[in-house]
Amino acid sequence: MNTGVENLTNTSTKSAVEYAQALFSNRYVIRFIVAMWITLTCNTVFYENLNENVLVSAGLLLFALNWLIISIFSVGRLFKPGLILLICISASVEYFSTRFGIMMDYGMLQNVLETDVKEAADLINFRLFFHFLVYAALPSALVLFVPTPKSTIKRRVLTYTGNFLLVLGLLGTLAFMHYQTLSGYFRMNKEQRYYATPLNAISAIKSHVKMKLKPKATTFTQIASSVAFLPFSEKPTVFVLVLGETVRADHFGLNGYERNTTPNLSKLPVYNFKDVSSCGTATAHSVPCMFSWMNKANYDEFTAKNSENVIDIVKRAGFDVIWRDNNSGCKGVCSRVKTEKLYEVVTCEDGCPDELLLEGLPKLLEQKKNTLIVLHQQGSHGPAYFRRSQQKHKTFLPECEDETFATCSQQEIINAYDNSLVETDAMLSSVIELLDKQKDVNTGLLYVSDHGESLGENGVYLHGLPYAFAPSSQTHIPMLFWLSDNYQKDVKLDRTCLNEITAKPTSHDALFGSLLGLLSIDIKTEKQTTDLVTGCRG
C-alpha cells in the first residue's frame, strides 16, 4: 500500500517537474515572462506618473506593446541575444530614471555615448551592480538556459507567425477598447512616452542611428561671404571665453541667490545677464548649438557639424584661436582650431580642478596679437559635485560625497554643488586679474554655462531632460562679461546701455553675434544673428 502511494507521489512529482521543464523551455512562454518582467519591474517612473484612472488600462497596453517588441527582437537566432539585450537596456533605464529622474530620449542617449570614462566612473558603484544582478542578470540567466527548438523550420515559422499575430491582435484589441480614455490622456501628457521602457530606449537608438546614417556633407559651408576685423585701437585684442559646465542661474550669487557663491565676482565690475536660457539641457547638444549661427528653434546637428561656427569666424578674422579643454571635449566645435586637451596631460581622480586651466595662461595672454582663448571647464559636472571644488573653496558643509546620492540629504547635495560654484568664481576672478594686468593689449572675458542642473526638486537630479519638459533649473544659466578699462574706452561702449541690455531676457542664440560684436568683427552673411553689444557703441 505504502509502495503504491510512494510510486504515485513520485510519478506526480516527476510529471510536475517535466511539465515545468517543458513550460520554461517554450520560447513563447519565455517571451511572455520577459514582457511581464520588463513591464512590471522596469517601468516604475512610468507608473508613478500615471493618473490612477488610467493606471490599469495603460499598464495592460504597455504590457501588450512590450510583448510585441520582444517578439520582434527575438525572432529566430536572435532569441537569446535579443531578449538579453532588451532586459539589460530596460534595467539600465530603470536604474537611472528612478535614481536620478532622467527621461530617455535621443539627447540622453547622445550624452551616454559621448560620456568619457572618468565621467562614467562616477556612476559605477555597488548599488548599480546589485540592481543589475537582480533586474538583468537573473532574468537573463533564465533566457540562457532555454534549449534550442528541434522542430522543423517550417513549423517554427508557422508557430512564430501565429504567436506574433496573437500578440498583435491583443495590442490592437486593448488599444481599441481604451482609445477614448488613453488617447486624450497621452496627448495631454506627452512626457509619459519618455518613461515607457524599453520603447523609449528603442526610439532613442533609432534617432541616433538615423543621425549617424545621414550622408556626409561633401562640402563645408562658410556662412559668411566676407569676414573682417575692424580695429578700434592700435592695441591688439586678447579675449578669453570661459565655457562653464552645468551651472544653474538661480544658484549663482550674482543673480540674487541667498548664498554668496560668487564672492570674488561680486566685487568686480562685471556685466551680469540675469535671465539667460540655454539651447539645450545637455553638453552634447548645447555646446555645438550655442557656437553655431543657428538658434534654438532651427538648430540642426548635421548642419552645425558641416558649417563654420563663431570660433571659425574669429579665426578667419585673423585671430589666433586656442581652445583649452578640462572637460571631455568640444563636441566638434574646436576641430578646426588649435586645441589643448589638458585633461589628457594631467591625471586626476575623476577630473582635475579647473585651476588647471590657469597653468600656462599668463604666457598666452602676453602675446601681442589678436587672440581668442576658450577655457572649457569641468565646472559643476555631477553627480560627484564634491570633486569639483578644492578644500580651500568648500564653503558650505557638510557636503555629499556619495555619487549615488543614496546616503545624502538634499541639503548636502546642494552644499557640494554650491561649493563647485565657489570654485568657478575663484577661477573666473583669477582670469580677470591676469587679464587686467595686461597693459599693452585690450582684454576682455565672457563667461557662459552650457546648461543647468536639477538638484532633487520633484525627485529630479542631474540634467538632460527633453527641453519641453525640463524645469528652469536645467535651462536657465548664468552669463556675464568683463572688459578692461582700456577696452571700454577705446571701443566707446556706453555703460548705461550695457546695463540695460543685461537686464533683458536673452539666450544662447545671442552668443554668436555678441562675441563677434565684442571682438569688433564684421561679417557679410544672409544668416540671422543676434548682437547684444554693437548697439551700445558710442
Protein backbone atom coordinates (compact mmCIF):
# COMPACT_ATOMS: atom_id res chain seq x y z
CA MET A 1 0.00 0.00 0.00
CA ASN A 2 2.74 2.44 1.01
CA THR A 3 4.74 1.46 -2.03
CA GLY A 4 1.81 2.31 -4.28
CA VAL A 5 1.36 5.73 -2.66
CA GLU A 6 5.07 6.41 -2.98
CA ASN A 7 5.02 5.44 -6.66
CA LEU A 8 2.01 7.68 -7.25
CA THR A 9 3.74 10.55 -5.46
CA ASN A 10 6.96 10.05 -7.38
CA THR A 11 5.03 9.89 -10.63
CA SER A 12 3.14 13.10 -9.80
CA THR A 13 6.36 14.87 -8.79
CA LYS A 14 8.10 13.69 -11.94
CA SER A 15 5.17 14.87 -14.06
CA ALA A 16 5.19 18.28 -12.37
CA VAL A 17 8.94 18.67 -12.96
CA GLU A 18 8.61 17.58 -16.57
CA TYR A 19 5.72 20.00 -17.05
CA ALA A 20 7.74 22.86 -15.54
CA GLN A 21 10.73 21.99 -17.72
CA ALA A 22 8.55 21.90 -20.81
CA LEU A 23 6.90 25.19 -19.84
CA PHE A 24 10.16 27.07 -19.28
CA SER A 25 11.65 25.54 -22.40
CA ASN A 26 8.92 27.11 -24.52
CA ARG A 27 10.17 30.25 -26.24
CA TYR A 28 6.73 31.80 -26.36
CA VAL A 29 6.28 31.37 -22.63
CA ILE A 30 9.69 32.93 -22.04
CA ARG A 31 8.78 35.90 -24.26
CA PHE A 32 5.60 36.33 -22.22
CA ILE A 33 7.54 36.16 -18.93
CA VAL A 34 10.18 38.65 -20.11
CA ALA A 35 7.49 41.05 -21.32
CA MET A 36 5.77 40.79 -17.95
CA TRP A 37 9.08 41.24 -16.11
CA ILE A 38 10.07 44.38 -18.00
CA THR A 39 6.57 45.84 -17.77
CA LEU A 40 6.28 45.31 -14.02
CA THR A 41 9.85 45.92 -12.81
CA CYS A 42 11.41 48.37 -15.28
CA ASN A 43 8.68 50.97 -15.58
CA THR A 44 8.48 52.36 -12.05
CA VAL A 45 8.56 56.02 -13.10
CA PHE A 46 6.02 55.37 -15.86
CA TYR A 47 3.50 54.09 -13.29
CA GLU A 48 4.35 56.76 -10.72
CA ASN A 49 3.44 59.49 -13.20
CA LEU A 50 0.20 57.88 -14.39
CA ASN A 51 -3.18 59.14 -13.29
CA GLU A 52 -4.89 56.42 -11.22
CA ASN A 53 -7.85 56.48 -13.62
CA VAL A 54 -5.70 55.10 -16.45
CA LEU A 55 -3.29 53.02 -14.41
CA VAL A 56 -4.74 49.60 -15.29
CA SER A 57 -5.56 50.31 -18.93
CA ALA A 58 -2.18 51.96 -19.60
CA GLY A 59 -0.38 49.11 -17.83
CA LEU A 60 -2.14 46.48 -19.93
CA LEU A 61 -1.42 48.39 -23.13
CA LEU A 62 2.24 48.76 -22.17
CA PHE A 63 2.48 45.01 -21.50
CA ALA A 64 0.98 44.16 -24.89
CA LEU A 65 3.32 46.65 -26.59
CA ASN A 66 6.34 45.21 -24.80
CA TRP A 67 5.27 41.69 -25.71
CA LEU A 68 5.14 42.77 -29.36
CA ILE A 69 8.54 44.49 -29.18
CA ILE A 70 10.07 41.41 -27.57
CA SER A 71 8.56 39.15 -30.23
CA ILE A 72 10.08 41.31 -32.98
CA PHE A 73 13.55 41.50 -31.46
CA SER A 74 13.80 37.80 -30.55
CA VAL A 75 12.94 36.11 -33.81
CA GLY A 76 14.94 33.01 -34.77
CA ARG A 77 18.60 33.07 -33.73
CA LEU A 78 18.13 36.50 -32.19
CA PHE A 79 16.07 34.91 -29.41
CA LYS A 80 18.72 34.85 -26.67
CA PRO A 81 20.85 37.89 -27.62
CA GLY A 82 17.73 39.94 -28.42
CA LEU A 83 15.99 39.19 -25.13
CA ILE A 84 19.12 39.67 -23.02
CA LEU A 85 19.86 42.99 -24.74
CA LEU A 86 16.32 44.24 -24.10
CA ILE A 87 16.50 43.10 -20.47
CA CYS A 88 19.83 44.89 -19.90
CA ILE A 89 18.69 48.07 -21.63
CA SER A 90 15.46 48.11 -19.62
CA ALA A 91 17.31 47.50 -16.36
CA SER A 92 19.70 50.38 -17.15
CA VAL A 93 16.89 52.81 -17.93
CA GLU A 94 15.02 51.73 -14.80
CA TYR A 95 18.04 52.38 -12.58
CA PHE A 96 18.85 55.86 -13.87
CA SER A 97 15.23 57.00 -14.20
CA THR A 98 14.38 56.01 -10.63
CA ARG A 99 17.71 57.11 -9.17
CA PHE A 100 18.15 60.45 -10.95
CA GLY A 101 14.78 61.16 -12.57
CA ILE A 102 16.09 61.10 -16.15
CA MET A 103 13.98 60.75 -19.29
CA MET A 104 15.37 58.51 -22.00
CA ASP A 105 15.38 60.22 -25.39
CA TYR A 106 17.83 60.91 -28.23
CA GLY A 107 19.55 63.69 -26.27
CA MET A 108 20.07 61.50 -23.21
CA LEU A 109 21.40 58.64 -25.35
CA GLN A 110 23.79 61.08 -27.01
CA ASN A 111 25.03 62.09 -23.55
CA VAL A 112 25.62 58.45 -22.64
CA LEU A 113 27.54 57.69 -25.82
CA GLU A 114 29.71 60.81 -25.53
CA THR A 115 30.46 60.43 -21.81
CA ASP A 116 34.11 59.69 -21.15
CA VAL A 117 35.49 57.03 -18.79
CA LYS A 118 36.08 59.46 -15.91
CA GLU A 119 32.51 60.76 -16.00
CA ALA A 120 31.08 57.24 -16.26
CA ALA A 121 33.15 56.12 -13.27
CA ASP A 122 31.10 58.43 -11.03
CA LEU A 123 28.04 56.29 -11.70
CA ILE A 124 29.55 52.82 -11.26
CA ASN A 125 29.04 51.58 -7.70
CA PHE A 126 27.74 48.67 -5.64
CA ARG A 127 24.16 49.93 -5.82
CA LEU A 128 24.29 49.80 -9.63
CA PHE A 129 25.93 46.35 -9.54
CA PHE A 130 23.25 44.98 -7.22
CA HIS A 131 20.49 46.47 -9.36
CA PHE A 132 21.90 44.75 -12.45
CA LEU A 133 22.24 41.47 -10.61
CA VAL A 134 18.56 41.45 -9.70
CA TYR A 135 16.98 43.19 -12.68
CA ALA A 136 19.21 41.96 -15.52
CA ALA A 137 21.46 39.01 -14.58
CA LEU A 138 18.78 36.74 -13.07
CA PRO A 139 16.18 37.06 -15.86
CA SER A 140 18.99 36.80 -18.44
CA ALA A 141 20.07 33.51 -16.88
CA LEU A 142 16.56 32.17 -17.42
CA VAL A 143 16.82 33.04 -21.10
CA LEU A 144 20.27 31.49 -21.46
CA PHE A 145 19.05 28.08 -20.30
CA VAL A 146 16.22 27.86 -22.83
CA PRO A 147 17.08 24.96 -25.19
CA THR A 148 17.19 25.37 -28.95
CA PRO A 149 13.97 24.05 -30.55
CA LYS A 150 14.29 20.80 -32.50
CA SER A 151 11.24 21.25 -34.74
CA THR A 152 11.47 21.94 -38.46
CA ILE A 153 11.99 25.46 -39.77
CA LYS A 154 8.56 25.41 -41.38
CA ARG A 155 6.88 24.54 -38.08
CA ARG A 156 8.84 27.20 -36.23
CA VAL A 157 7.89 29.86 -38.79
CA LEU A 158 4.21 28.94 -38.63
CA THR A 159 4.22 28.86 -34.82
CA TYR A 160 6.06 32.20 -34.56
CA THR A 161 3.69 33.81 -37.09
CA GLY A 162 0.66 32.58 -35.17
CA ASN A 163 2.08 33.84 -31.88
CA PHE A 164 3.00 37.19 -33.42
CA LEU A 165 -0.50 37.67 -34.83
CA LEU A 166 -1.95 36.75 -31.43
CA VAL A 167 0.14 39.42 -29.69
CA LEU A 168 -0.62 41.97 -32.40
CA GLY A 169 -4.31 41.21 -32.05
CA LEU A 170 -4.15 41.63 -28.26
CA LEU A 171 -2.43 45.02 -28.66
CA GLY A 172 -5.00 46.14 -31.24
CA THR A 173 -7.91 45.00 -29.08
CA LEU A 174 -6.60 46.81 -25.98
CA ALA A 175 -5.88 49.96 -27.99
CA PHE A 176 -9.41 49.92 -29.44
CA MET A 177 -11.07 49.26 -26.05
CA HIS A 178 -9.21 52.05 -24.24
CA TYR A 179 -8.68 54.51 -27.09
CA GLN A 180 -11.13 57.09 -25.82
CA THR A 181 -9.55 57.15 -22.36
CA LEU A 182 -5.89 56.87 -23.25
CA SER A 183 -5.66 58.96 -26.44
CA GLY A 184 -6.64 62.17 -24.69
CA TYR A 185 -4.55 61.40 -21.63
CA PHE A 186 -1.31 60.75 -23.52
CA ARG A 187 -1.95 63.72 -25.79
CA MET A 188 -2.02 65.94 -22.70
CA ASN A 189 0.88 64.12 -21.01
CA LYS A 190 3.38 63.69 -23.82
CA GLU A 191 6.28 63.26 -21.41
CA GLN A 192 4.97 59.78 -20.49
CA ARG A 193 6.42 58.31 -23.68
CA TYR A 194 9.91 59.00 -22.34
CA TYR A 195 9.16 56.78 -19.34
CA ALA A 196 7.75 53.76 -21.22
CA THR A 197 10.56 51.18 -21.24
CA PRO A 198 12.03 49.78 -23.49
CA LEU A 199 10.11 51.79 -26.11
CA ASN A 200 11.90 54.97 -25.00
CA ALA A 201 15.35 53.42 -25.46
CA ILE A 202 14.46 51.90 -28.83
CA SER A 203 13.14 55.25 -30.06
CA ALA A 204 16.33 56.99 -28.88
CA ILE A 205 18.54 54.39 -30.60
CA LYS A 206 16.52 54.75 -33.80
CA SER A 207 17.02 58.54 -33.79
CA HIS A 208 20.74 58.14 -33.11
CA VAL A 209 21.21 55.62 -35.92
CA LYS A 210 19.20 57.81 -38.28
CA MET A 211 21.52 60.74 -37.49
CA LYS A 212 24.64 58.63 -37.99
CA LEU A 213 23.38 57.27 -41.32
CA LYS A 214 22.84 60.72 -42.78
CA PRO A 215 25.10 61.15 -45.80
CA LYS A 216 28.26 63.07 -45.01
CA ALA A 217 28.35 66.54 -46.46
CA THR A 218 30.61 66.77 -49.48
CA THR A 219 31.36 70.43 -48.80
CA PHE A 220 31.97 72.53 -45.72
CA THR A 221 29.72 75.58 -45.67
CA GLN A 222 31.11 79.02 -44.99
CA ILE A 223 28.16 81.07 -43.79
CA ALA A 224 29.95 84.41 -44.21
CA SER A 225 30.94 85.67 -47.66
CA SER A 226 33.42 88.04 -46.04
CA VAL A 227 34.93 88.45 -42.57
CA ALA A 228 36.84 91.50 -41.35
CA PHE A 229 38.30 92.67 -38.07
CA LEU A 230 37.56 96.39 -37.59
CA PRO A 231 40.37 97.77 -35.44
CA PHE A 232 39.16 100.14 -32.72
CA SER A 233 42.61 100.72 -31.24
CA GLU A 234 46.29 100.42 -32.04
CA LYS A 235 46.47 97.78 -29.30
CA PRO A 236 45.74 94.15 -30.11
CA THR A 237 42.78 92.39 -28.53
CA VAL A 238 43.23 89.43 -26.17
CA PHE A 239 39.90 87.90 -25.19
CA VAL A 240 39.01 84.89 -23.02
CA LEU A 241 35.77 82.96 -23.43
CA VAL A 242 35.06 80.66 -20.49
CA LEU A 243 32.61 77.86 -21.27
CA GLY A 244 31.03 76.79 -18.00
CA GLU A 245 29.61 73.37 -17.23
CA THR A 246 26.30 72.51 -15.51
CA VAL A 247 25.72 75.85 -13.74
CA ARG A 248 22.15 76.88 -12.98
CA ALA A 249 21.32 80.58 -12.83
CA ASP A 250 19.38 80.56 -9.57
CA HIS A 251 22.42 79.28 -7.60
CA PHE A 252 24.71 81.97 -8.99
CA GLY A 253 25.42 84.57 -6.34
CA LEU A 254 25.32 87.49 -8.79
CA ASN A 255 21.72 86.57 -9.64
CA GLY A 256 20.50 87.11 -6.07
CA TYR A 257 20.96 83.61 -4.67
CA GLU A 258 20.69 83.60 -0.87
CA ARG A 259 24.19 82.16 -0.65
CA ASN A 260 27.16 84.14 -1.90
CA THR A 261 28.56 81.60 -4.33
CA THR A 262 30.33 84.38 -6.26
CA PRO A 263 32.22 86.28 -3.51
CA ASN A 264 35.02 87.43 -5.84
CA LEU A 265 32.95 88.28 -8.91
CA SER A 266 30.58 90.38 -6.80
CA LYS A 267 33.48 92.75 -6.15
CA LEU A 268 34.41 93.14 -9.82
CA PRO A 269 32.87 95.44 -12.48
CA VAL A 270 31.23 92.66 -14.49
CA TYR A 271 28.13 92.91 -16.66
CA ASN A 272 25.86 90.10 -15.50
CA PHE A 273 22.89 88.82 -17.52
CA LYS A 274 20.16 87.80 -15.10
CA ASP A 275 17.80 85.92 -17.45
CA VAL A 276 19.54 83.64 -19.94
CA SER A 277 18.14 80.45 -21.50
CA SER A 278 20.28 77.62 -22.82
CA CYS A 279 19.98 75.99 -26.22
CA GLY A 280 19.73 72.53 -24.68
CA THR A 281 19.81 70.65 -21.40
CA ALA A 282 22.99 68.67 -22.06
CA THR A 283 26.53 69.42 -23.23
CA ALA A 284 26.36 67.28 -26.38
CA HIS A 285 23.52 69.42 -27.73
CA SER A 286 24.09 72.81 -26.10
CA VAL A 287 27.76 73.35 -26.94
CA PRO A 288 27.58 72.92 -30.75
CA CYS A 289 24.25 74.77 -30.75
CA MET A 290 25.44 77.83 -28.83
CA PHE A 291 28.52 78.28 -31.03
CA SER A 292 26.59 77.81 -34.29
CA TRP A 293 24.89 80.54 -36.32
CA MET A 294 21.57 78.76 -35.83
CA ASN A 295 19.24 79.47 -32.95
CA LYS A 296 17.48 77.01 -30.68
CA ALA A 297 14.36 76.92 -32.84
CA ASN A 298 16.09 75.92 -36.09
CA TYR A 299 19.20 74.14 -34.79
CA ASP A 300 20.18 71.03 -36.72
CA GLU A 301 23.11 68.91 -35.56
CA PHE A 302 24.06 67.73 -39.06
CA THR A 303 24.09 71.26 -40.46
CA ALA A 304 26.07 72.59 -37.49
CA LYS A 305 28.80 69.97 -37.92
CA ASN A 306 29.23 70.85 -41.57
CA SER A 307 29.25 74.63 -41.41
CA GLU A 308 31.51 77.16 -39.74
CA ASN A 309 30.78 78.30 -36.20
CA VAL A 310 31.70 81.51 -34.41
CA ILE A 311 35.13 80.11 -33.46
CA ASP A 312 35.87 79.52 -37.15
CA ILE A 313 34.73 83.07 -37.98
CA VAL A 314 37.06 84.56 -35.36
CA LYS A 315 39.93 82.55 -36.84
CA ARG A 316 39.07 83.81 -40.34
CA ALA A 317 39.25 87.36 -38.96
CA GLY A 318 42.94 86.80 -38.26
CA PHE A 319 42.75 85.96 -34.56
CA ASP A 320 44.94 83.31 -33.01
CA VAL A 321 42.33 80.92 -31.55
CA ILE A 322 43.22 78.43 -28.81
CA TRP A 323 40.77 76.00 -27.18
CA ARG A 324 41.95 74.74 -23.76
CA ASP A 325 39.84 71.85 -22.51
CA ASN A 326 39.41 70.48 -18.99
CA ASN A 327 36.18 68.68 -19.88
CA SER A 328 35.51 65.70 -22.15
CA GLY A 329 35.98 67.51 -25.46
CA CYS A 330 34.47 70.32 -27.52
CA LYS A 331 31.80 68.26 -29.35
CA GLY A 332 33.35 69.17 -32.71
CA VAL A 333 33.32 72.92 -32.17
CA CYS A 334 37.12 73.25 -31.92
CA SER A 335 38.05 70.72 -34.61
CA ARG A 336 39.50 73.41 -36.90
CA VAL A 337 41.45 75.44 -34.32
CA LYS A 338 44.42 74.78 -32.05
CA THR A 339 43.31 72.60 -29.13
CA GLU A 340 44.96 71.75 -25.83
CA LYS A 341 43.37 68.74 -24.12
CA LEU A 342 44.58 69.43 -20.61
CA TYR A 343 42.57 66.55 -19.17
CA GLU A 344 44.83 64.16 -21.10
CA VAL A 345 48.06 65.77 -19.92
CA VAL A 346 47.44 65.58 -16.18
CA THR A 347 45.86 62.59 -14.43
CA CYS A 348 43.39 63.41 -11.66
CA GLU A 349 40.75 61.30 -9.95
CA ASP A 350 37.55 61.91 -11.86
CA GLY A 351 38.72 65.12 -13.50
CA CYS A 352 41.09 67.88 -12.46
CA PRO A 353 40.10 71.12 -10.72
CA ASP A 354 39.55 73.97 -13.17
CA GLU A 355 42.57 75.68 -11.68
CA LEU A 356 44.43 73.55 -14.23
CA LEU A 357 43.16 75.92 -16.93
CA LEU A 358 45.26 78.71 -15.40
CA GLU A 359 48.53 76.85 -15.97
CA GLY A 360 50.37 78.41 -18.89
CA LEU A 361 47.65 81.03 -19.32
CA PRO A 362 49.82 84.08 -18.35
CA LYS A 363 52.22 83.27 -21.19
CA LEU A 364 49.35 83.05 -23.69
CA LEU A 365 47.93 86.36 -22.51
CA GLU A 366 51.25 88.12 -23.05
CA GLN A 367 51.03 87.60 -26.81
CA LYS A 368 50.94 90.96 -28.56
CA LYS A 369 48.47 89.88 -31.23
CA ASN A 370 44.74 89.40 -31.59
CA THR A 371 43.92 86.28 -29.63
CA LEU A 372 40.83 84.37 -28.50
CA ILE A 373 41.34 81.77 -25.78
CA VAL A 374 38.49 79.41 -24.92
CA LEU A 375 38.62 77.74 -21.49
CA HIS A 376 36.28 74.75 -21.26
CA GLN A 377 35.60 73.96 -17.62
CA GLN A 378 34.87 70.79 -15.70
CA GLY A 379 32.66 73.21 -13.77
CA SER A 380 29.89 71.64 -11.71
CA HIS A 381 29.57 68.36 -13.56
CA GLY A 382 27.74 65.81 -11.42
CA PRO A 383 26.94 63.66 -9.70
CA ALA A 384 30.34 63.91 -7.95
CA TYR A 385 29.98 67.63 -7.18
CA PHE A 386 32.29 67.27 -4.18
CA ARG A 387 35.17 66.54 -6.56
CA ARG A 388 34.62 69.82 -8.42
CA SER A 389 35.92 72.00 -5.58
CA GLN A 390 39.22 72.09 -3.76
CA GLN A 391 39.35 72.06 0.02
CA LYS A 392 40.04 75.80 0.18
CA HIS A 393 36.76 76.51 -1.61
CA LYS A 394 34.49 74.19 0.40
CA THR A 395 32.44 76.93 1.99
CA PHE A 396 29.21 75.01 2.59
CA LEU A 397 29.38 71.91 4.77
CA PRO A 398 28.64 69.09 5.23
CA GLU A 399 28.64 68.13 1.57
CA CYS A 400 27.52 64.96 -0.17
CA GLU A 401 30.39 62.60 -1.03
CA ASP A 402 28.23 59.79 -2.42
CA GLU A 403 27.93 59.74 -6.23
CA THR A 404 24.61 57.88 -5.99
CA PHE A 405 23.15 60.44 -3.53
CA ALA A 406 21.74 57.43 -1.64
CA THR A 407 23.27 58.36 1.73
CA CYS A 408 22.95 62.15 1.34
CA SER A 409 20.28 64.64 2.28
CA GLN A 410 19.18 67.10 -0.38
CA GLN A 411 20.90 69.90 1.53
CA GLU A 412 24.21 68.02 1.47
CA ILE A 413 23.87 67.60 -2.29
CA ILE A 414 23.18 71.33 -2.64
CA ASN A 415 26.18 72.14 -0.43
CA ALA A 416 28.52 70.11 -2.67
CA TYR A 417 27.06 71.74 -5.78
CA ASP A 418 27.33 75.27 -4.38
CA ASN A 419 30.97 74.66 -3.44
CA SER A 420 31.67 73.91 -7.10
CA LEU A 421 30.30 77.37 -7.94
CA VAL A 422 32.67 78.93 -5.42
CA GLU A 423 35.48 77.13 -7.26
CA THR A 424 34.27 78.59 -10.56
CA ASP A 425 34.06 82.04 -9.01
CA ALA A 426 37.69 81.78 -7.87
CA MET A 427 38.85 80.66 -11.31
CA LEU A 428 36.97 83.42 -13.16
CA SER A 429 38.25 86.13 -10.84
CA SER A 430 41.80 84.81 -11.28
CA VAL A 431 41.48 85.00 -15.07
CA ILE A 432 40.13 88.55 -14.83
CA GLU A 433 43.03 89.52 -12.57
CA LEU A 434 45.51 88.16 -15.12
CA LEU A 435 43.74 89.99 -17.95
CA ASP A 436 43.68 93.26 -16.02
CA LYS A 437 47.47 93.15 -15.65
CA GLN A 438 47.97 93.22 -19.42
CA LYS A 439 48.50 96.93 -20.16
CA ASP A 440 49.66 96.78 -23.78
CA VAL A 441 46.56 94.97 -25.06
CA ASN A 442 42.80 95.37 -24.81
CA THR A 443 41.43 92.50 -22.75
CA GLY A 444 38.03 91.04 -22.01
CA LEU A 445 36.26 87.93 -20.71
CA LEU A 446 32.91 86.34 -21.47
CA TYR A 447 31.56 83.52 -19.28
CA VAL A 448 28.53 81.39 -20.10
CA SER A 449 27.38 77.96 -18.91
CA ASP A 450 26.20 75.27 -21.31
CA HIS A 451 23.13 74.18 -19.32
CA GLY A 452 21.80 73.99 -15.77
CA GLU A 453 21.20 71.18 -13.27
CA SER A 454 18.43 69.66 -11.15
CA LEU A 455 19.29 69.05 -7.51
CA GLY A 456 16.42 66.86 -6.35
CA GLU A 457 13.46 69.16 -6.93
CA ASN A 458 10.42 66.93 -7.52
CA GLY A 459 12.74 63.91 -7.40
CA VAL A 460 14.73 65.01 -10.48
CA TYR A 461 18.54 65.11 -10.47
CA LEU A 462 21.30 65.99 -12.95
CA HIS A 463 20.24 67.24 -16.40
CA GLY A 464 19.34 66.14 -19.91
CA LEU A 465 15.54 66.10 -19.76
CA PRO A 466 13.77 66.87 -23.05
CA TYR A 467 13.66 70.67 -23.29
CA ALA A 468 9.88 70.83 -23.45
CA PHE A 469 9.59 69.12 -20.07
CA ALA A 470 12.78 70.31 -18.40
CA PRO A 471 12.50 72.52 -15.29
CA SER A 472 14.00 76.01 -15.43
CA SER A 473 16.87 74.80 -13.24
CA GLN A 474 18.16 72.90 -16.30
CA THR A 475 17.52 75.62 -18.91
CA HIS A 476 18.36 78.90 -17.14
CA ILE A 477 22.07 79.58 -16.95
CA PRO A 478 24.45 82.39 -15.92
CA MET A 479 26.25 84.62 -18.41
CA LEU A 480 28.48 87.64 -17.80
CA PHE A 481 31.30 89.58 -19.35
CA TRP A 482 34.13 91.84 -18.16
CA LEU A 483 36.10 94.40 -20.17
CA SER A 484 39.29 96.21 -19.22
CA ASP A 485 39.12 99.98 -18.82
CA ASN A 486 41.19 100.45 -21.97
CA TYR A 487 38.89 98.14 -23.91
CA GLN A 488 35.72 100.02 -22.91
CA LYS A 489 37.37 103.39 -23.55
CA ASP A 490 38.78 102.50 -26.97
CA VAL A 491 35.67 100.74 -28.26
CA LYS A 492 33.46 103.51 -26.81
CA LEU A 493 30.89 101.28 -25.12
CA ASP A 494 28.06 103.00 -23.24
CA ARG A 495 27.91 101.52 -19.72
CA THR A 496 24.30 102.55 -19.21
CA CYS A 497 23.30 100.80 -22.43
CA LEU A 498 25.18 97.67 -21.42
CA ASN A 499 23.44 97.59 -18.04
CA GLU A 500 20.08 97.89 -19.77
CA ILE A 501 20.93 95.05 -22.14
CA THR A 502 21.95 92.71 -19.32
CA ALA A 503 18.62 93.28 -17.56
CA LYS A 504 16.64 91.92 -20.53
CA PRO A 505 15.94 88.22 -21.24
CA THR A 506 18.32 86.60 -23.72
CA SER A 507 19.66 83.17 -24.65
CA HIS A 508 22.48 81.17 -26.19
CA ASP A 509 21.13 82.40 -29.52
CA ALA A 510 22.93 85.69 -28.87
CA LEU A 511 26.41 84.21 -28.31
CA PHE A 512 27.40 84.04 -31.99
CA GLY A 513 26.66 87.68 -32.86
CA SER A 514 27.59 89.15 -29.47
CA LEU A 515 31.05 87.55 -29.40
CA LEU A 516 31.73 88.98 -32.86
CA GLY A 517 30.44 92.33 -31.62
CA LEU A 518 32.74 92.31 -28.60
CA LEU A 519 35.72 91.44 -30.83
CA SER A 520 34.75 94.08 -33.43
CA ILE A 521 34.46 91.50 -36.22
CA ASP A 522 32.15 92.33 -39.11
CA ILE A 523 30.71 89.63 -41.37
CA LYS A 524 28.61 89.59 -44.52
CA THR A 525 26.01 86.83 -44.27
CA GLU A 526 22.41 86.05 -45.10
CA LYS A 527 22.01 84.27 -41.77
CA GLN A 528 20.14 85.97 -38.93
CA THR A 529 22.34 86.57 -35.88
CA THR A 530 21.80 88.49 -32.63
CA ASP A 531 24.40 91.01 -31.45
CA LEU A 532 23.70 92.44 -27.99
CA VAL A 533 26.81 94.62 -27.86
CA THR A 534 27.35 96.64 -31.04
CA GLY A 535 24.24 98.74 -30.41
CA CYS A 536 25.87 100.08 -27.22
CA ARG A 537 28.82 101.65 -29.02
CA GLY A 538 29.08 105.43 -28.81
